[in-house]
Amino acid sequence: MLLTRDMSKPDPLARTRSAKKPVTPVKLSSVRPKSKPVRVVYLRGGDPVQRAKDLEHIRRLDRAGLNEHNSKAVKVIKENFFRRYGERV
């Protein structure tokens, strides 16, 4: 079934189409979002015992099925690990 419009009647949307202002381009303040700088504190190796405990804690959460995508706490823990030891987990 084809939908047709009675051409003898005026277009009901003609008034609203002609009343619109011309399109103006949107001016953006920046081209793309800029990443926030993160302060990294290298501990020159740090305490290896504490580093191993922190890493084991992250691994235990990972085995339980928690990662940075489904848990904000794990995301914060991993960010803090990166700030402390300069290594991504």
N, C-alpha and C. Protein backbone atom coordinates (compact mmCIF):
# COMPACT_ATOMS: atom_id res chain seq x y z
N MET A 1 0.85 -1.18 0.00
CA MET A 1 0.00 0.00 0.00
C MET A 1 0.89 1.24 0.00
N LEU A 2 0.62 2.14 -0.91
CA LEU A 2 1.40 3.37 -1.01
C LEU A 2 0.68 4.50 -0.30
N LEU A 3 1.43 5.28 0.42
CA LEU A 3 0.85 6.46 1.06
C LEU A 3 1.04 7.65 0.14
N THR A 4 -0.04 8.33 -0.14
CA THR A 4 0.03 9.49 -1.02
C THR A 4 -0.57 10.69 -0.32
N ARG A 5 -0.16 11.87 -0.74
CA ARG A 5 -0.68 13.09 -0.17
C ARG A 5 -1.51 13.80 -1.23
N ASP A 6 -2.61 14.36 -0.79
CA ASP A 6 -3.47 15.10 -1.72
C ASP A 6 -2.76 16.39 -2.08
N MET A 7 -2.32 16.52 -3.33
CA MET A 7 -1.54 17.68 -3.76
C MET A 7 -2.41 18.93 -3.93
N SER A 8 -3.72 18.80 -3.89
CA SER A 8 -4.57 19.98 -4.03
C SER A 8 -4.57 20.80 -2.75
N LYS A 9 -4.25 20.17 -1.60
CA LYS A 9 -4.20 20.89 -0.33
C LYS A 9 -2.78 21.42 -0.10
N PRO A 10 -2.66 22.53 0.58
CA PRO A 10 -1.31 23.05 0.85
C PRO A 10 -0.56 22.15 1.84
N ASP A 11 0.76 22.23 1.76
CA ASP A 11 1.60 21.41 2.64
C ASP A 11 1.45 21.89 4.08
N PRO A 12 1.07 21.02 5.02
CA PRO A 12 0.87 21.47 6.40
C PRO A 12 2.18 21.87 7.09
N LEU A 13 3.31 21.38 6.60
CA LEU A 13 4.59 21.72 7.22
C LEU A 13 5.31 22.88 6.54
N ALA A 14 4.71 23.45 5.51
CA ALA A 14 5.38 24.52 4.76
C ALA A 14 5.61 25.74 5.64
N ARG A 15 4.65 26.07 6.51
CA ARG A 15 4.79 27.25 7.36
C ARG A 15 5.94 27.06 8.36
N THR A 16 6.05 25.88 8.93
CA THR A 16 7.10 25.66 9.91
C THR A 16 8.47 25.56 9.26
N ARG A 17 8.53 25.04 8.05
CA ARG A 17 9.82 24.95 7.36
C ARG A 17 10.36 26.32 7.00
N SER A 18 9.49 27.22 6.54
CA SER A 18 9.96 28.54 6.12
C SER A 18 10.27 29.43 7.31
N ALA A 19 9.71 29.12 8.49
CA ALA A 19 9.92 29.97 9.65
C ALA A 19 11.25 29.67 10.35
N LYS A 20 11.91 28.59 9.98
CA LYS A 20 13.16 28.24 10.65
C LYS A 20 14.29 29.19 10.25
N LYS A 21 15.17 29.44 11.22
CA LYS A 21 16.34 30.27 10.94
C LYS A 21 17.35 29.46 10.13
N PRO A 22 18.22 30.14 9.40
CA PRO A 22 19.25 29.39 8.68
C PRO A 22 20.20 28.71 9.67
N VAL A 23 20.75 27.61 9.26
CA VAL A 23 21.62 26.83 10.13
C VAL A 23 22.97 27.53 10.27
N THR A 24 23.40 27.72 11.53
CA THR A 24 24.72 28.31 11.77
C THR A 24 25.63 27.24 12.34
N PRO A 25 26.90 27.26 11.96
CA PRO A 25 27.80 26.24 12.48
C PRO A 25 28.07 26.42 13.97
N VAL A 26 28.25 25.31 14.66
CA VAL A 26 28.52 25.34 16.09
C VAL A 26 30.02 25.51 16.28
N LYS A 27 30.41 26.45 17.14
CA LYS A 27 31.83 26.67 17.39
C LYS A 27 32.23 25.96 18.66
N LEU A 28 33.16 25.04 18.54
CA LEU A 28 33.64 24.30 19.69
C LEU A 28 34.89 24.97 20.24
N SER A 29 35.05 24.88 21.56
CA SER A 29 36.21 25.52 22.18
C SER A 29 37.47 24.70 21.96
N SER A 30 37.35 23.38 21.79
CA SER A 30 38.52 22.55 21.53
C SER A 30 38.15 21.47 20.53
N VAL A 31 39.15 20.99 19.85
CA VAL A 31 38.92 19.98 18.82
C VAL A 31 38.57 18.65 19.46
N ARG A 32 39.34 18.25 20.46
CA ARG A 32 39.08 16.98 21.16
C ARG A 32 39.38 17.17 22.64
N PRO A 33 38.78 16.37 23.48
CA PRO A 33 39.05 16.52 24.91
C PRO A 33 40.50 16.19 25.23
N LYS A 34 41.06 16.96 26.14
CA LYS A 34 42.46 16.76 26.51
C LYS A 34 42.53 15.92 27.77
N SER A 35 43.49 15.02 27.80
CA SER A 35 43.63 14.16 28.97
C SER A 35 44.22 14.94 30.13
N LYS A 36 43.79 14.57 31.30
CA LYS A 36 44.24 15.24 32.51
C LYS A 36 45.61 14.67 32.90
N PRO A 37 46.58 15.51 33.17
CA PRO A 37 47.89 14.97 33.56
C PRO A 37 47.84 14.29 34.91
N VAL A 38 48.51 13.17 35.02
CA VAL A 38 48.54 12.39 36.26
C VAL A 38 49.95 12.45 36.82
N ARG A 39 50.04 12.77 38.10
CA ARG A 39 51.35 12.85 38.74
C ARG A 39 51.79 11.44 39.10
N VAL A 40 52.94 11.04 38.58
CA VAL A 40 53.48 9.71 38.85
C VAL A 40 54.65 9.87 39.80
N VAL A 41 54.61 9.16 40.91
CA VAL A 41 55.69 9.21 41.89
C VAL A 41 56.40 7.87 41.84
N TYR A 42 57.62 7.88 41.33
CA TYR A 42 58.41 6.65 41.27
C TYR A 42 59.15 6.48 42.59
N LEU A 43 59.03 5.31 43.17
CA LEU A 43 59.67 5.06 44.46
C LEU A 43 61.00 4.34 44.30
N ARG A 44 61.53 4.32 43.08
CA ARG A 44 62.80 3.65 42.79
C ARG A 44 62.77 2.21 43.30
N GLY A 45 61.73 1.51 42.87
CA GLY A 45 61.60 0.13 43.29
C GLY A 45 60.64 -0.01 44.45
N GLY A 46 60.64 0.95 45.35
CA GLY A 46 59.72 0.90 46.48
C GLY A 46 60.00 -0.29 47.38
N ASP A 47 59.08 -0.55 48.26
CA ASP A 47 59.19 -1.69 49.15
C ASP A 47 58.70 -2.92 48.39
N PRO A 48 59.59 -3.87 48.09
CA PRO A 48 59.15 -5.02 47.28
C PRO A 48 58.11 -5.89 47.99
N VAL A 49 58.15 -5.92 49.32
CA VAL A 49 57.17 -6.73 50.05
C VAL A 49 55.78 -6.11 49.93
N GLN A 50 55.70 -4.78 50.09
CA GLN A 50 54.41 -4.09 49.98
C GLN A 50 53.89 -4.14 48.55
N ARG A 51 54.81 -4.01 47.58
CA ARG A 51 54.41 -4.08 46.17
C ARG A 51 53.82 -5.46 45.87
N ALA A 52 54.44 -6.51 46.38
CA ALA A 52 53.94 -7.87 46.15
C ALA A 52 52.57 -8.06 46.79
N LYS A 53 52.37 -7.48 47.98
CA LYS A 53 51.07 -7.59 48.65
C LYS A 53 49.99 -6.84 47.86
N ASP A 54 50.34 -5.63 47.39
CA ASP A 54 49.38 -4.86 46.59
C ASP A 54 49.02 -5.60 45.30
N LEU A 55 50.04 -6.16 44.65
CA LEU A 55 49.80 -6.88 43.40
C LEU A 55 48.96 -8.14 43.64
N GLU A 56 49.23 -8.84 44.73
CA GLU A 56 48.45 -10.04 45.06
C GLU A 56 46.99 -9.68 45.36
N HIS A 57 46.79 -8.53 46.01
CA HIS A 57 45.43 -8.06 46.30
C HIS A 57 44.66 -7.80 45.00
N ILE A 58 45.33 -7.15 44.05
CA ILE A 58 44.70 -6.87 42.75
C ILE A 58 44.41 -8.17 42.01
N ARG A 59 45.36 -9.09 42.03
CA ARG A 59 45.17 -10.38 41.35
C ARG A 59 44.03 -11.18 41.96
N ARG A 60 43.88 -11.11 43.28
CA ARG A 60 42.80 -11.84 43.96
C ARG A 60 41.45 -11.29 43.52
N LEU A 61 41.34 -9.95 43.45
CA LEU A 61 40.09 -9.35 42.98
C LEU A 61 39.81 -9.71 41.53
N ASP A 62 40.90 -9.77 40.74
CA ASP A 62 40.76 -10.13 39.33
C ASP A 62 40.25 -11.56 39.17
N ARG A 63 40.75 -12.47 40.00
CA ARG A 63 40.29 -13.86 39.94
C ARG A 63 38.83 -13.98 40.37
N ALA A 64 38.39 -13.06 41.24
CA ALA A 64 37.00 -13.08 41.69
C ALA A 64 36.05 -12.50 40.64
N GLY A 65 36.62 -11.98 39.54
CA GLY A 65 35.78 -11.46 38.46
C GLY A 65 35.60 -9.95 38.49
N LEU A 66 36.33 -9.27 39.36
CA LEU A 66 36.22 -7.81 39.43
C LEU A 66 37.37 -7.18 38.66
N ASN A 67 37.06 -6.25 37.78
CA ASN A 67 38.10 -5.50 37.08
C ASN A 67 37.71 -4.03 37.05
N GLU A 68 38.54 -3.21 36.40
CA GLU A 68 38.29 -1.77 36.42
C GLU A 68 37.04 -1.37 35.64
N HIS A 69 36.52 -2.26 34.82
CA HIS A 69 35.33 -1.93 34.03
C HIS A 69 34.03 -2.15 34.80
N ASN A 70 34.02 -3.06 35.76
CA ASN A 70 32.78 -3.31 36.49
C ASN A 70 32.87 -2.97 37.98
N SER A 71 34.00 -2.39 38.42
CA SER A 71 34.14 -2.01 39.82
C SER A 71 34.98 -0.75 39.93
N LYS A 72 34.39 0.30 40.52
CA LYS A 72 35.13 1.55 40.68
C LYS A 72 36.26 1.40 41.68
N ALA A 73 36.07 0.54 42.69
CA ALA A 73 37.10 0.35 43.71
C ALA A 73 38.36 -0.26 43.09
N VAL A 74 38.19 -1.24 42.21
CA VAL A 74 39.35 -1.86 41.57
C VAL A 74 40.04 -0.85 40.66
N LYS A 75 39.27 0.01 40.02
CA LYS A 75 39.86 1.03 39.17
C LYS A 75 40.74 1.96 39.99
N VAL A 76 40.26 2.38 41.16
CA VAL A 76 41.04 3.26 42.03
C VAL A 76 42.28 2.55 42.54
N ILE A 77 42.15 1.28 42.91
CA ILE A 77 43.30 0.52 43.41
C ILE A 77 44.37 0.41 42.33
N LYS A 78 43.96 0.15 41.09
CA LYS A 78 44.93 0.03 40.01
C LYS A 78 45.59 1.37 39.69
N GLU A 79 44.81 2.46 39.75
CA GLU A 79 45.39 3.79 39.52
C GLU A 79 46.41 4.12 40.61
N ASN A 80 46.10 3.78 41.85
CA ASN A 80 47.04 4.03 42.94
C ASN A 80 48.30 3.18 42.80
N PHE A 81 48.15 1.94 42.35
CA PHE A 81 49.31 1.08 42.11
C PHE A 81 50.20 1.70 41.05
N PHE A 82 49.59 2.24 39.98
CA PHE A 82 50.37 2.87 38.91
C PHE A 82 51.08 4.12 39.42
N ARG A 83 50.42 4.90 40.27
CA ARG A 83 51.05 6.10 40.82
C ARG A 83 52.23 5.74 41.73
N ARG A 84 52.06 4.67 42.50
CA ARG A 84 53.12 4.28 43.44
C ARG A 84 54.33 3.67 42.76
N TYR A 85 54.06 2.71 41.86
CA TYR A 85 55.15 1.90 41.32
C TYR A 85 55.45 2.18 39.85
N GLY A 86 54.63 3.00 39.19
CA GLY A 86 54.89 3.34 37.80
C GLY A 86 54.66 2.19 36.84
N GLU A 87 53.89 1.21 37.24
CA GLU A 87 53.61 0.05 36.38
C GLU A 87 52.10 -0.14 36.26
N ARG A 88 51.68 -0.44 35.05
CA ARG A 88 50.27 -0.76 34.84
C ARG A 88 50.02 -2.21 35.22
N VAL A 89 48.85 -2.46 35.77
CA VAL A 89 48.49 -3.84 36.15
C VAL A 89 47.47 -4.35 35.17
